[in-house]
Amino acid sequence: MDLALVAFLLFAVVAAASAVGVISVRNPVHAVLLLVLTFFSVACTWIIAGAEFLGVALVLVYVGAVMVLLLFVVMMLDIDVAPLREGYVRYLPLGLLVAVAMLAEILTLIGVKAAAATPFIDDIAAGGNTAWLARALFTRFLLPFEVAAVILTVAVIAAVMLTLRRRPGAKHQNPGEQARVRPQDRLRMVKMEAVKPVVPAPADAPTEEGKP
């Protein structure tokens, strides 16, 4: 069996197992760590298949921004993050396991020869998979691409509207008032007279009547 095929199957198994873990674990920190491993494993399968652009884009866009995604989700769902900050050591074993798995996948990619990988297109010299993907995306698949963009935009707006709620005691910004602010609204000059403060005498100090 070819080394590239073995590596592809290994990456696919790791990606499937970590994806199942994302939807099965109850801790959001564990879920996001497994999500990172899922994205990285899928990126490795694309690189093995010769789609280097898709693999690098997946690592940069998803793996690089997944922590920001977790932050937005925690803020939108109003999850109590205080328990998540406690017990950092208990998240260390899974973090080390994910790091070791990603390191093993990187070493496997380095070990696989480029000639043994299945090309993403028939003629790599015609411009590479980046040019092929751009032409296919904006010509043959332009309508599905635009429809997917509209669906994602509607989903983001719907998620924000569903989670936006006014809670008593919470502070909210008004961009219109911030844009109409004037200098006199931010700074107020107050004229005060200079008065020498009166220092009270100590309780055990002798009075006028007690003087000899």
N, C-alpha and C. Protein backbone atom coordinates (compact mmCIF):
# COMPACT_ATOMS: atom_id res chain seq x y z
N MET A 1 0.85 -1.20 0.00
CA MET A 1 0.00 0.00 0.00
C MET A 1 0.88 1.25 0.00
N ASP A 2 0.47 2.24 -0.76
CA ASP A 2 1.25 3.46 -0.90
C ASP A 2 1.26 4.22 0.41
N LEU A 3 2.39 4.88 0.68
CA LEU A 3 2.52 5.68 1.90
C LEU A 3 1.54 6.84 1.91
N ALA A 4 1.32 7.46 0.76
CA ALA A 4 0.38 8.58 0.69
C ALA A 4 -1.04 8.12 0.99
N LEU A 5 -1.42 6.94 0.53
CA LEU A 5 -2.76 6.42 0.82
C LEU A 5 -2.91 6.10 2.29
N VAL A 6 -1.88 5.53 2.89
CA VAL A 6 -1.93 5.24 4.33
C VAL A 6 -2.07 6.53 5.13
N ALA A 7 -1.31 7.54 4.76
CA ALA A 7 -1.41 8.82 5.47
C ALA A 7 -2.78 9.45 5.28
N PHE A 8 -3.33 9.35 4.07
CA PHE A 8 -4.66 9.90 3.80
C PHE A 8 -5.71 9.22 4.68
N LEU A 9 -5.67 7.90 4.75
CA LEU A 9 -6.63 7.17 5.58
C LEU A 9 -6.45 7.49 7.06
N LEU A 10 -5.21 7.66 7.49
CA LEU A 10 -4.95 8.00 8.89
C LEU A 10 -5.51 9.38 9.23
N PHE A 11 -5.28 10.34 8.35
CA PHE A 11 -5.81 11.69 8.58
C PHE A 11 -7.35 11.67 8.57
N ALA A 12 -7.94 10.87 7.68
CA ALA A 12 -9.40 10.81 7.61
C ALA A 12 -9.99 10.21 8.88
N VAL A 13 -9.35 9.18 9.42
CA VAL A 13 -9.84 8.56 10.66
C VAL A 13 -9.73 9.54 11.83
N VAL A 14 -8.61 10.24 11.92
CA VAL A 14 -8.44 11.22 13.00
C VAL A 14 -9.46 12.35 12.89
N ALA A 15 -9.71 12.81 11.66
CA ALA A 15 -10.68 13.88 11.46
C ALA A 15 -12.09 13.43 11.84
N ALA A 16 -12.46 12.21 11.46
CA ALA A 16 -13.80 11.71 11.80
C ALA A 16 -13.94 11.51 13.30
N ALA A 17 -12.92 10.96 13.95
CA ALA A 17 -13.01 10.72 15.40
C ALA A 17 -13.08 12.03 16.18
N SER A 18 -12.26 13.00 15.80
CA SER A 18 -12.30 14.28 16.50
C SER A 18 -13.59 15.04 16.23
N ALA A 19 -14.17 14.89 15.02
CA ALA A 19 -15.45 15.53 14.73
C ALA A 19 -16.57 14.95 15.59
N VAL A 20 -16.54 13.65 15.80
CA VAL A 20 -17.52 13.03 16.70
C VAL A 20 -17.32 13.54 18.13
N GLY A 21 -16.07 13.75 18.52
CA GLY A 21 -15.81 14.28 19.85
C GLY A 21 -16.30 15.70 20.04
N VAL A 22 -16.30 16.49 18.97
CA VAL A 22 -16.76 17.88 19.07
C VAL A 22 -18.22 17.94 19.47
N ILE A 23 -19.05 17.06 18.91
CA ILE A 23 -20.48 17.09 19.19
C ILE A 23 -20.87 16.22 20.37
N SER A 24 -19.93 15.49 20.94
CA SER A 24 -20.27 14.59 22.05
C SER A 24 -19.79 15.09 23.41
N VAL A 25 -18.72 15.86 23.45
CA VAL A 25 -18.23 16.34 24.74
C VAL A 25 -19.11 17.49 25.21
N ARG A 26 -19.17 17.68 26.51
CA ARG A 26 -20.03 18.72 27.09
C ARG A 26 -19.25 19.98 27.43
N ASN A 27 -17.93 19.86 27.57
CA ASN A 27 -17.12 21.02 27.91
C ASN A 27 -16.80 21.80 26.64
N PRO A 28 -17.11 23.10 26.59
CA PRO A 28 -16.82 23.87 25.37
C PRO A 28 -15.34 23.99 25.06
N VAL A 29 -14.49 23.99 26.08
CA VAL A 29 -13.04 24.07 25.84
C VAL A 29 -12.55 22.79 25.17
N HIS A 30 -13.00 21.65 25.64
CA HIS A 30 -12.64 20.39 25.00
C HIS A 30 -13.17 20.33 23.57
N ALA A 31 -14.38 20.86 23.36
CA ALA A 31 -14.97 20.85 22.02
C ALA A 31 -14.14 21.67 21.04
N VAL A 32 -13.67 22.84 21.48
CA VAL A 32 -12.91 23.68 20.56
C VAL A 32 -11.53 23.08 20.30
N LEU A 33 -10.94 22.40 21.25
CA LEU A 33 -9.66 21.74 21.01
C LEU A 33 -9.82 20.61 19.99
N LEU A 34 -10.88 19.83 20.12
CA LEU A 34 -11.14 18.78 19.14
C LEU A 34 -11.49 19.36 17.78
N LEU A 35 -12.14 20.53 17.77
CA LEU A 35 -12.44 21.18 16.50
C LEU A 35 -11.17 21.61 15.78
N VAL A 36 -10.20 22.09 16.54
CA VAL A 36 -8.92 22.45 15.95
C VAL A 36 -8.27 21.22 15.31
N LEU A 37 -8.31 20.09 16.02
CA LEU A 37 -7.73 18.87 15.47
C LEU A 37 -8.48 18.41 14.23
N THR A 38 -9.80 18.58 14.21
CA THR A 38 -10.59 18.20 13.04
C THR A 38 -10.20 19.02 11.82
N PHE A 39 -10.15 20.33 11.98
CA PHE A 39 -9.78 21.20 10.85
C PHE A 39 -8.36 20.89 10.37
N PHE A 40 -7.45 20.68 11.29
CA PHE A 40 -6.07 20.42 10.89
C PHE A 40 -5.96 19.09 10.16
N SER A 41 -6.69 18.07 10.61
CA SER A 41 -6.64 16.77 9.94
C SER A 41 -7.22 16.85 8.53
N VAL A 42 -8.33 17.59 8.38
CA VAL A 42 -8.91 17.75 7.04
C VAL A 42 -7.94 18.52 6.13
N ALA A 43 -7.27 19.52 6.69
CA ALA A 43 -6.27 20.24 5.90
C ALA A 43 -5.15 19.32 5.45
N CYS A 44 -4.76 18.40 6.30
CA CYS A 44 -3.71 17.45 5.92
C CYS A 44 -4.17 16.54 4.78
N THR A 45 -5.42 16.12 4.82
CA THR A 45 -5.93 15.29 3.72
C THR A 45 -5.94 16.06 2.41
N TRP A 46 -6.25 17.34 2.44
CA TRP A 46 -6.24 18.13 1.21
C TRP A 46 -4.82 18.32 0.69
N ILE A 47 -3.88 18.51 1.60
CA ILE A 47 -2.49 18.67 1.17
C ILE A 47 -1.97 17.37 0.56
N ILE A 48 -2.35 16.23 1.15
CA ILE A 48 -1.95 14.95 0.59
C ILE A 48 -2.51 14.78 -0.82
N ALA A 49 -3.75 15.25 -1.03
CA ALA A 49 -4.38 15.12 -2.35
C ALA A 49 -3.85 16.11 -3.36
N GLY A 50 -2.98 17.01 -2.96
CA GLY A 50 -2.40 17.97 -3.88
C GLY A 50 -3.05 19.34 -3.84
N ALA A 51 -4.06 19.55 -3.01
CA ALA A 51 -4.73 20.85 -2.91
C ALA A 51 -4.09 21.65 -1.79
N GLU A 52 -2.88 22.13 -2.05
CA GLU A 52 -2.15 22.84 -0.99
C GLU A 52 -2.82 24.15 -0.62
N PHE A 53 -3.41 24.83 -1.59
CA PHE A 53 -4.05 26.11 -1.30
C PHE A 53 -5.23 25.92 -0.34
N LEU A 54 -6.06 24.92 -0.59
CA LEU A 54 -7.19 24.67 0.29
C LEU A 54 -6.73 24.28 1.69
N GLY A 55 -5.68 23.47 1.78
CA GLY A 55 -5.19 23.07 3.09
C GLY A 55 -4.65 24.24 3.89
N VAL A 56 -3.85 25.08 3.25
CA VAL A 56 -3.29 26.24 3.95
C VAL A 56 -4.38 27.23 4.31
N ALA A 57 -5.36 27.42 3.40
CA ALA A 57 -6.47 28.33 3.70
C ALA A 57 -7.30 27.83 4.88
N LEU A 58 -7.49 26.52 4.97
CA LEU A 58 -8.24 25.97 6.10
C LEU A 58 -7.51 26.19 7.41
N VAL A 59 -6.20 26.02 7.40
CA VAL A 59 -5.42 26.23 8.63
C VAL A 59 -5.45 27.70 9.03
N LEU A 60 -5.25 28.59 8.06
CA LEU A 60 -5.19 30.02 8.38
C LEU A 60 -6.54 30.57 8.80
N VAL A 61 -7.61 30.19 8.08
CA VAL A 61 -8.92 30.79 8.32
C VAL A 61 -9.60 30.16 9.51
N TYR A 62 -9.67 28.83 9.55
CA TYR A 62 -10.46 28.16 10.57
C TYR A 62 -9.65 27.88 11.83
N VAL A 63 -8.51 27.23 11.67
CA VAL A 63 -7.71 26.92 12.85
C VAL A 63 -7.20 28.20 13.50
N GLY A 64 -6.86 29.21 12.70
CA GLY A 64 -6.36 30.45 13.28
C GLY A 64 -7.44 31.27 13.94
N ALA A 65 -8.69 31.14 13.49
CA ALA A 65 -9.77 31.97 14.03
C ALA A 65 -10.72 31.21 14.93
N VAL A 66 -10.42 29.97 15.26
CA VAL A 66 -11.38 29.18 16.02
C VAL A 66 -11.49 29.68 17.46
N MET A 67 -10.42 30.25 18.01
CA MET A 67 -10.51 30.79 19.36
C MET A 67 -11.39 32.03 19.40
N VAL A 68 -11.32 32.84 18.34
CA VAL A 68 -12.22 34.00 18.26
C VAL A 68 -13.66 33.52 18.11
N LEU A 69 -13.86 32.44 17.36
CA LEU A 69 -15.19 31.86 17.24
C LEU A 69 -15.72 31.44 18.60
N LEU A 70 -14.90 30.77 19.39
CA LEU A 70 -15.32 30.36 20.73
C LEU A 70 -15.66 31.57 21.59
N LEU A 71 -14.86 32.63 21.47
CA LEU A 71 -15.13 33.83 22.26
C LEU A 71 -16.48 34.45 21.88
N PHE A 72 -16.78 34.54 20.59
CA PHE A 72 -18.06 35.08 20.16
C PHE A 72 -19.22 34.22 20.65
N VAL A 73 -19.08 32.91 20.56
CA VAL A 73 -20.15 32.01 20.99
C VAL A 73 -20.39 32.14 22.49
N VAL A 74 -19.33 32.21 23.27
CA VAL A 74 -19.47 32.34 24.72
C VAL A 74 -20.16 33.65 25.07
N MET A 75 -19.81 34.74 24.37
CA MET A 75 -20.44 36.03 24.66
C MET A 75 -21.90 36.06 24.20
N MET A 76 -22.21 35.47 23.06
CA MET A 76 -23.57 35.51 22.55
C MET A 76 -24.51 34.65 23.36
N LEU A 77 -24.04 33.50 23.81
CA LEU A 77 -24.89 32.59 24.58
C LEU A 77 -24.90 32.91 26.06
N ASP A 78 -24.12 33.88 26.49
CA ASP A 78 -24.09 34.30 27.89
C ASP A 78 -23.72 33.14 28.80
N ILE A 79 -22.67 32.40 28.41
CA ILE A 79 -22.21 31.28 29.23
C ILE A 79 -21.36 31.81 30.37
N ASP A 80 -21.54 31.21 31.53
CA ASP A 80 -20.75 31.60 32.69
C ASP A 80 -19.32 31.09 32.48
N VAL A 81 -18.42 32.02 32.17
CA VAL A 81 -17.04 31.63 31.85
C VAL A 81 -16.17 31.56 33.08
N ALA A 82 -16.70 31.89 34.24
CA ALA A 82 -15.89 31.83 35.46
C ALA A 82 -15.41 30.41 35.74
N PRO A 83 -16.28 29.38 35.65
CA PRO A 83 -15.75 28.02 35.87
C PRO A 83 -14.76 27.58 34.81
N LEU A 84 -14.85 28.17 33.58
CA LEU A 84 -13.90 27.77 32.54
C LEU A 84 -12.50 28.26 32.83
N ARG A 85 -12.40 29.39 33.55
CA ARG A 85 -11.08 29.93 33.88
C ARG A 85 -10.42 29.16 35.02
N GLU A 86 -11.21 28.43 35.77
CA GLU A 86 -10.68 27.70 36.91
C GLU A 86 -10.18 26.34 36.46
N GLY A 87 -9.16 25.86 37.13
CA GLY A 87 -8.64 24.54 36.84
C GLY A 87 -8.01 24.43 35.47
N TYR A 88 -7.03 25.29 35.19
CA TYR A 88 -6.38 25.27 33.88
C TYR A 88 -5.66 23.95 33.65
N VAL A 89 -5.20 23.33 34.73
CA VAL A 89 -4.41 22.10 34.59
C VAL A 89 -5.26 20.96 34.03
N ARG A 90 -6.56 20.97 34.32
CA ARG A 90 -7.38 19.85 33.85
C ARG A 90 -7.57 19.85 32.34
N TYR A 91 -7.34 21.00 31.68
CA TYR A 91 -7.41 21.06 30.22
C TYR A 91 -6.06 20.73 29.58
N LEU A 92 -5.02 20.63 30.37
CA LEU A 92 -3.68 20.41 29.82
C LEU A 92 -3.52 19.05 29.15
N PRO A 93 -4.02 17.93 29.70
CA PRO A 93 -3.83 16.64 29.02
C PRO A 93 -4.41 16.60 27.61
N LEU A 94 -5.65 17.09 27.45
CA LEU A 94 -6.24 17.08 26.12
C LEU A 94 -5.51 18.03 25.19
N GLY A 95 -5.07 19.17 25.70
CA GLY A 95 -4.30 20.10 24.87
C GLY A 95 -3.00 19.49 24.39
N LEU A 96 -2.31 18.78 25.29
CA LEU A 96 -1.08 18.11 24.89
C LEU A 96 -1.35 16.99 23.89
N LEU A 97 -2.46 16.27 24.06
CA LEU A 97 -2.80 15.21 23.12
C LEU A 97 -3.06 15.77 21.73
N VAL A 98 -3.79 16.88 21.66
CA VAL A 98 -4.06 17.52 20.37
C VAL A 98 -2.76 18.03 19.75
N ALA A 99 -1.89 18.61 20.56
CA ALA A 99 -0.62 19.12 20.04
C ALA A 99 0.25 18.00 19.51
N VAL A 100 0.30 16.88 20.22
CA VAL A 100 1.11 15.74 19.77
C VAL A 100 0.53 15.16 18.48
N ALA A 101 -0.80 15.08 18.39
CA ALA A 101 -1.42 14.56 17.17
C ALA A 101 -1.13 15.47 15.98
N MET A 102 -1.20 16.78 16.18
CA MET A 102 -0.89 17.70 15.09
C MET A 102 0.58 17.61 14.69
N LEU A 103 1.48 17.45 15.66
CA LEU A 103 2.90 17.29 15.34
C LEU A 103 3.15 16.01 14.56
N ALA A 104 2.45 14.93 14.93
CA ALA A 104 2.61 13.68 14.20
C ALA A 104 2.10 13.81 12.76
N GLU A 105 1.01 14.55 12.58
CA GLU A 105 0.49 14.74 11.23
C GLU A 105 1.44 15.59 10.39
N ILE A 106 2.06 16.59 11.01
CA ILE A 106 3.03 17.41 10.27
C ILE A 106 4.23 16.56 9.84
N LEU A 107 4.73 15.73 10.75
CA LEU A 107 5.87 14.87 10.41
C LEU A 107 5.49 13.85 9.33
N THR A 108 4.24 13.38 9.37
CA THR A 108 3.79 12.45 8.33
C THR A 108 3.74 13.13 6.97
N LEU A 109 3.26 14.38 6.96
CA LEU A 109 3.23 15.12 5.70
C LEU A 109 4.63 15.33 5.14
N ILE A 110 5.56 15.64 6.05
CA ILE A 110 6.94 15.84 5.59
C ILE A 110 7.51 14.54 5.03
N GLY A 111 7.14 13.41 5.64
CA GLY A 111 7.67 12.13 5.19
C GLY A 111 7.12 11.64 3.87
N VAL A 112 5.91 12.08 3.54
CA VAL A 112 5.30 11.64 2.28
C VAL A 112 5.95 12.41 1.12
N LYS A 113 6.37 11.73 0.13
CA LYS A 113 7.01 12.37 -1.02
C LYS A 113 5.96 13.09 -1.86
N ALA A 114 6.35 14.20 -2.42
CA ALA A 114 5.42 14.99 -3.23
C ALA A 114 4.99 14.22 -4.48
N ALA A 115 5.85 13.41 -5.01
CA ALA A 115 5.50 12.66 -6.22
C ALA A 115 4.50 11.57 -5.95
N ALA A 116 4.42 11.12 -4.71
CA ALA A 116 3.49 10.05 -4.38
C ALA A 116 2.09 10.55 -4.13
N ALA A 117 1.90 11.86 -3.95
CA ALA A 117 0.58 12.41 -3.66
C ALA A 117 -0.26 12.46 -4.93
N THR A 118 -1.54 12.22 -4.79
CA THR A 118 -2.46 12.29 -5.92
C THR A 118 -2.72 13.75 -6.28
N PRO A 119 -2.51 14.17 -7.50
CA PRO A 119 -2.70 15.58 -7.85
C PRO A 119 -4.16 15.97 -7.80
N PHE A 120 -4.40 17.22 -7.47
CA PHE A 120 -5.76 17.74 -7.39
C PHE A 120 -6.34 17.97 -8.79
N ILE A 121 -5.50 18.27 -9.74
CA ILE A 121 -5.92 18.41 -11.14
C ILE A 121 -4.98 17.57 -11.99
N ASP A 122 -5.40 17.33 -13.22
CA ASP A 122 -4.61 16.46 -14.09
C ASP A 122 -3.30 17.10 -14.51
N ASP A 123 -3.35 18.38 -14.80
CA ASP A 123 -2.16 19.07 -15.31
C ASP A 123 -1.77 20.15 -14.32
N ILE A 124 -0.83 19.85 -13.44
CA ILE A 124 -0.39 20.83 -12.44
C ILE A 124 0.30 22.01 -13.12
N ALA A 125 0.98 21.77 -14.24
CA ALA A 125 1.72 22.84 -14.91
C ALA A 125 0.80 23.86 -15.56
N ALA A 126 -0.50 23.59 -15.62
CA ALA A 126 -1.43 24.52 -16.27
C ALA A 126 -1.73 25.74 -15.42
N GLY A 127 -1.21 25.81 -14.25
CA GLY A 127 -1.46 26.96 -13.39
C GLY A 127 -1.63 26.61 -11.93
N GLY A 128 -1.62 25.34 -11.60
CA GLY A 128 -1.74 24.94 -10.21
C GLY A 128 -3.19 24.88 -9.77
N ASN A 129 -3.40 24.30 -8.60
CA ASN A 129 -4.77 24.13 -8.12
C ASN A 129 -5.40 25.44 -7.69
N THR A 130 -4.58 26.45 -7.38
CA THR A 130 -5.14 27.75 -7.00
C THR A 130 -5.85 28.40 -8.18
N ALA A 131 -5.19 28.42 -9.34
CA ALA A 131 -5.82 28.99 -10.54
C ALA A 131 -7.01 28.16 -10.98
N TRP A 132 -6.89 26.84 -10.89
CA TRP A 132 -8.01 25.97 -11.27
C TRP A 132 -9.21 26.21 -10.37
N LEU A 133 -8.96 26.33 -9.07
CA LEU A 133 -10.05 26.57 -8.12
C LEU A 133 -10.72 27.92 -8.37
N ALA A 134 -9.93 28.95 -8.65
CA ALA A 134 -10.50 30.28 -8.90
C ALA A 134 -11.36 30.27 -10.15
N ARG A 135 -10.88 29.63 -11.22
CA ARG A 135 -11.68 29.58 -12.44
C ARG A 135 -12.97 28.79 -12.25
N ALA A 136 -12.88 27.67 -11.55
CA ALA A 136 -14.08 26.85 -11.34
C ALA A 136 -15.08 27.52 -10.40
N LEU A 137 -14.56 28.23 -9.40
CA LEU A 137 -15.44 28.84 -8.41
C LEU A 137 -16.20 30.02 -8.96
N PHE A 138 -15.57 30.79 -9.83
CA PHE A 138 -16.20 32.01 -10.34
C PHE A 138 -16.74 31.85 -11.77
N THR A 139 -16.78 30.62 -12.27
CA THR A 139 -17.40 30.39 -13.58
C THR A 139 -18.47 29.31 -13.47
N ARG A 140 -18.09 28.08 -13.29
CA ARG A 140 -19.05 26.97 -13.24
C ARG A 140 -19.88 26.99 -11.96
N PHE A 141 -19.26 27.32 -10.83
CA PHE A 141 -19.94 27.23 -9.54
C PHE A 141 -20.20 28.60 -8.94
N LEU A 142 -20.40 29.60 -9.79
CA LEU A 142 -20.63 30.95 -9.27
C LEU A 142 -21.96 31.05 -8.53
N LEU A 143 -23.02 30.48 -9.09
CA LEU A 143 -24.33 30.56 -8.45
C LEU A 143 -24.37 29.83 -7.10
N PRO A 144 -23.89 28.58 -7.00
CA PRO A 144 -23.85 27.96 -5.67
C PRO A 144 -22.98 28.71 -4.67
N PHE A 145 -21.90 29.32 -5.16
CA PHE A 145 -21.04 30.09 -4.28
C PHE A 145 -21.78 31.31 -3.71
N GLU A 146 -22.50 32.01 -4.55
CA GLU A 146 -23.26 33.18 -4.09
C GLU A 146 -24.41 32.76 -3.18
N VAL A 147 -25.08 31.66 -3.50
CA VAL A 147 -26.17 31.17 -2.66
C VAL A 147 -25.65 30.79 -1.27
N ALA A 148 -24.50 30.14 -1.23
CA ALA A 148 -23.91 29.78 0.07
C ALA A 148 -23.55 31.02 0.87
N ALA A 149 -23.05 32.06 0.19
CA ALA A 149 -22.72 33.30 0.89
C ALA A 149 -23.97 33.95 1.46
N VAL A 150 -25.06 33.95 0.71
CA VAL A 150 -26.32 34.54 1.21
C VAL A 150 -26.86 33.74 2.39
N ILE A 151 -26.79 32.41 2.30
CA ILE A 151 -27.28 31.58 3.41
C ILE A 151 -26.48 31.82 4.68
N LEU A 152 -25.15 31.92 4.55
CA LEU A 152 -24.32 32.18 5.72
C LEU A 152 -24.60 33.56 6.31
N THR A 153 -24.82 34.55 5.44
CA THR A 153 -25.13 35.89 5.94
C THR A 153 -26.46 35.91 6.70
N VAL A 154 -27.47 35.24 6.14
CA VAL A 154 -28.76 35.17 6.82
C VAL A 154 -28.63 34.42 8.14
N ALA A 155 -27.82 33.37 8.17
CA ALA A 155 -27.64 32.61 9.41
C ALA A 155 -26.97 33.46 10.48
N VAL A 156 -25.99 34.26 10.11
CA VAL A 156 -25.32 35.13 11.08
C VAL A 156 -26.29 36.17 11.63
N ILE A 157 -27.09 36.79 10.74
CA ILE A 157 -28.06 37.79 11.19
C ILE A 157 -29.11 37.15 12.10
N ALA A 158 -29.57 35.97 11.74
CA ALA A 158 -30.57 35.29 12.57
C ALA A 158 -30.00 34.92 13.94
N ALA A 159 -28.74 34.46 13.98
CA ALA A 159 -28.14 34.13 15.27
C ALA A 159 -28.00 35.35 16.16
N VAL A 160 -27.63 36.48 15.57
CA VAL A 160 -27.50 37.70 16.36
C VAL A 160 -28.86 38.17 16.87
N MET A 161 -29.89 38.10 16.03
CA MET A 161 -31.22 38.54 16.44
C MET A 161 -31.81 37.62 17.50
N LEU A 162 -31.53 36.32 17.42
CA LEU A 162 -32.07 35.40 18.40
C LEU A 162 -31.40 35.54 19.77
N THR A 163 -30.14 35.89 19.76
CA THR A 163 -29.41 36.00 21.03
C THR A 163 -29.38 37.42 21.58
N LEU A 164 -29.84 38.40 20.81
CA LEU A 164 -29.83 39.78 21.29
C LEU A 164 -31.03 39.99 22.20
N ARG A 165 -30.79 40.29 23.43
CA ARG A 165 -31.84 40.52 24.39
C ARG A 165 -31.38 41.58 25.38
N ARG A 166 -32.33 42.37 25.82
CA ARG A 166 -32.03 43.44 26.76
C ARG A 166 -32.18 42.90 28.18
N ARG A 167 -31.12 42.98 28.92
CA ARG A 167 -31.13 42.53 30.31
C ARG A 167 -31.02 43.72 31.23
N PRO A 168 -31.76 43.73 32.32
CA PRO A 168 -31.67 44.88 33.25
C PRO A 168 -30.30 44.96 33.88
N GLY A 169 -29.78 46.19 33.94
CA GLY A 169 -28.47 46.40 34.53
C GLY A 169 -27.32 46.32 33.55
N ALA A 170 -27.58 45.88 32.33
CA ALA A 170 -26.51 45.77 31.32
C ALA A 170 -26.34 47.10 30.61
N LYS A 171 -25.12 47.44 30.28
CA LYS A 171 -24.81 48.68 29.59
C LYS A 171 -24.80 48.45 28.08
N HIS A 172 -25.37 49.39 27.35
CA HIS A 172 -25.44 49.29 25.90
C HIS A 172 -24.94 50.59 25.28
N GLN A 173 -24.37 50.48 24.12
CA GLN A 173 -23.85 51.65 23.41
C GLN A 173 -24.88 52.14 22.40
N ASN A 174 -24.88 53.45 22.22
CA ASN A 174 -25.70 54.09 21.20
C ASN A 174 -24.77 54.80 20.22
N PRO A 175 -24.51 54.20 19.07
CA PRO A 175 -23.56 54.83 18.12
C PRO A 175 -23.99 56.21 17.69
N GLY A 176 -25.30 56.46 17.58
CA GLY A 176 -25.76 57.78 17.17
C GLY A 176 -25.39 58.86 18.18
N GLU A 177 -25.55 58.57 19.46
CA GLU A 177 -25.15 59.54 20.48
C GLU A 177 -23.64 59.71 20.52
N GLN A 178 -22.90 58.65 20.29
CA GLN A 178 -21.45 58.76 20.27
C GLN A 178 -20.97 59.62 19.11
N ALA A 179 -21.66 59.56 17.96
CA ALA A 179 -21.25 60.36 16.81
C ALA A 179 -21.62 61.83 16.99
N ARG A 180 -22.67 62.12 17.77
CA ARG A 180 -23.11 63.50 17.97
C ARG A 180 -22.50 64.16 19.20
N VAL A 181 -21.52 63.56 19.79
CA VAL A 181 -20.94 64.10 21.01
C VAL A 181 -20.21 65.41 20.72
N ARG A 182 -20.23 66.33 21.67
CA ARG A 182 -19.57 67.62 21.56
C ARG A 182 -18.54 67.75 22.67
N PRO A 183 -17.57 68.64 22.49
CA PRO A 183 -16.53 68.77 23.54
C PRO A 183 -17.12 69.17 24.90
N GLN A 184 -18.14 70.06 24.90
CA GLN A 184 -18.70 70.47 26.18
C GLN A 184 -19.47 69.36 26.88
N ASP A 185 -19.81 68.31 26.12
CA ASP A 185 -20.48 67.18 26.76
C ASP A 185 -19.50 66.28 27.48
N ARG A 186 -18.25 66.32 27.08
CA ARG A 186 -17.24 65.45 27.68
C ARG A 186 -16.43 66.15 28.76
N LEU A 187 -16.31 67.48 28.70
CA LEU A 187 -15.47 68.23 29.63
C LEU A 187 -16.28 69.38 30.21
N ARG A 188 -16.27 69.49 31.50
CA ARG A 188 -16.98 70.57 32.19
C ARG A 188 -16.01 71.27 33.14
N MET A 189 -15.90 72.59 32.99
CA MET A 189 -15.04 73.39 33.84
C MET A 189 -15.83 73.86 35.06
N VAL A 190 -15.31 73.59 36.23
CA VAL A 190 -15.96 73.95 37.49
C VAL A 190 -15.06 74.93 38.23
N LYS A 191 -15.64 76.10 38.59
CA LYS A 191 -14.90 77.12 39.33
C LYS A 191 -15.12 76.93 40.83
N MET A 192 -14.02 76.76 41.52
CA MET A 192 -14.09 76.53 42.97
C MET A 192 -13.15 77.50 43.67
N GLU A 193 -13.57 78.00 44.81
CA GLU A 193 -12.75 78.90 45.59
C GLU A 193 -11.69 78.12 46.36
N ALA A 194 -10.53 78.76 46.45
CA ALA A 194 -9.44 78.13 47.19
C ALA A 194 -9.65 78.38 48.68
N VAL A 195 -9.97 77.37 49.42
CA VAL A 195 -10.23 77.47 50.86
C VAL A 195 -9.21 76.62 51.59
N LYS A 196 -8.57 77.24 52.58
CA LYS A 196 -7.60 76.51 53.38
C LYS A 196 -8.33 75.54 54.29
N PRO A 197 -8.02 74.30 54.21
CA PRO A 197 -8.73 73.34 55.05
C PRO A 197 -8.41 73.54 56.53
N VAL A 198 -9.39 73.35 57.34
CA VAL A 198 -9.24 73.46 58.80
C VAL A 198 -8.86 72.11 59.35
N VAL A 199 -7.69 72.09 60.02
CA VAL A 199 -7.21 70.84 60.60
C VAL A 199 -7.78 70.72 62.00
N PRO A 200 -8.56 69.71 62.30
CA PRO A 200 -9.11 69.57 63.66
C PRO A 200 -8.02 69.26 64.67
N ALA A 201 -8.21 69.81 65.86
CA ALA A 201 -7.23 69.58 66.93
C ALA A 201 -7.38 68.19 67.49
N PRO A 202 -6.29 67.62 67.96
CA PRO A 202 -6.37 66.28 68.56
C PRO A 202 -7.24 66.30 69.81
N ALA A 203 -7.81 65.15 70.11
CA ALA A 203 -8.71 65.06 71.26
C ALA A 203 -7.99 65.26 72.57
N ASP A 204 -6.71 64.85 72.68
CA ASP A 204 -5.96 64.97 73.93
C ASP A 204 -5.16 66.27 74.03
N ALA A 205 -5.38 67.18 73.08
CA ALA A 205 -4.64 68.45 73.13
C ALA A 205 -5.19 69.33 74.24
N PRO A 206 -4.33 70.09 74.99
CA PRO A 206 -4.80 70.97 76.09
C PRO A 206 -5.59 72.14 75.55
N THR A 207 -6.66 72.48 76.21
CA THR A 207 -7.51 73.63 75.83
C THR A 207 -6.96 74.90 76.44
N GLU A 208 -7.66 76.01 76.14
CA GLU A 208 -7.24 77.30 76.68
C GLU A 208 -7.40 77.35 78.20
N GLU A 209 -8.47 76.67 78.69
CA GLU A 209 -8.69 76.70 80.13
C GLU A 209 -7.67 75.87 80.89
N GLY A 210 -7.12 74.91 80.25
CA GLY A 210 -6.17 74.01 80.92
C GLY A 210 -4.76 74.54 80.93
N LYS A 211 -4.52 75.71 80.30
CA LYS A 211 -3.16 76.23 80.29
C LYS A 211 -2.83 76.82 81.66
N PRO A 212 -1.60 76.73 82.12
CA PRO A 212 -1.19 77.33 83.41
C PRO A 212 -1.18 78.84 83.32
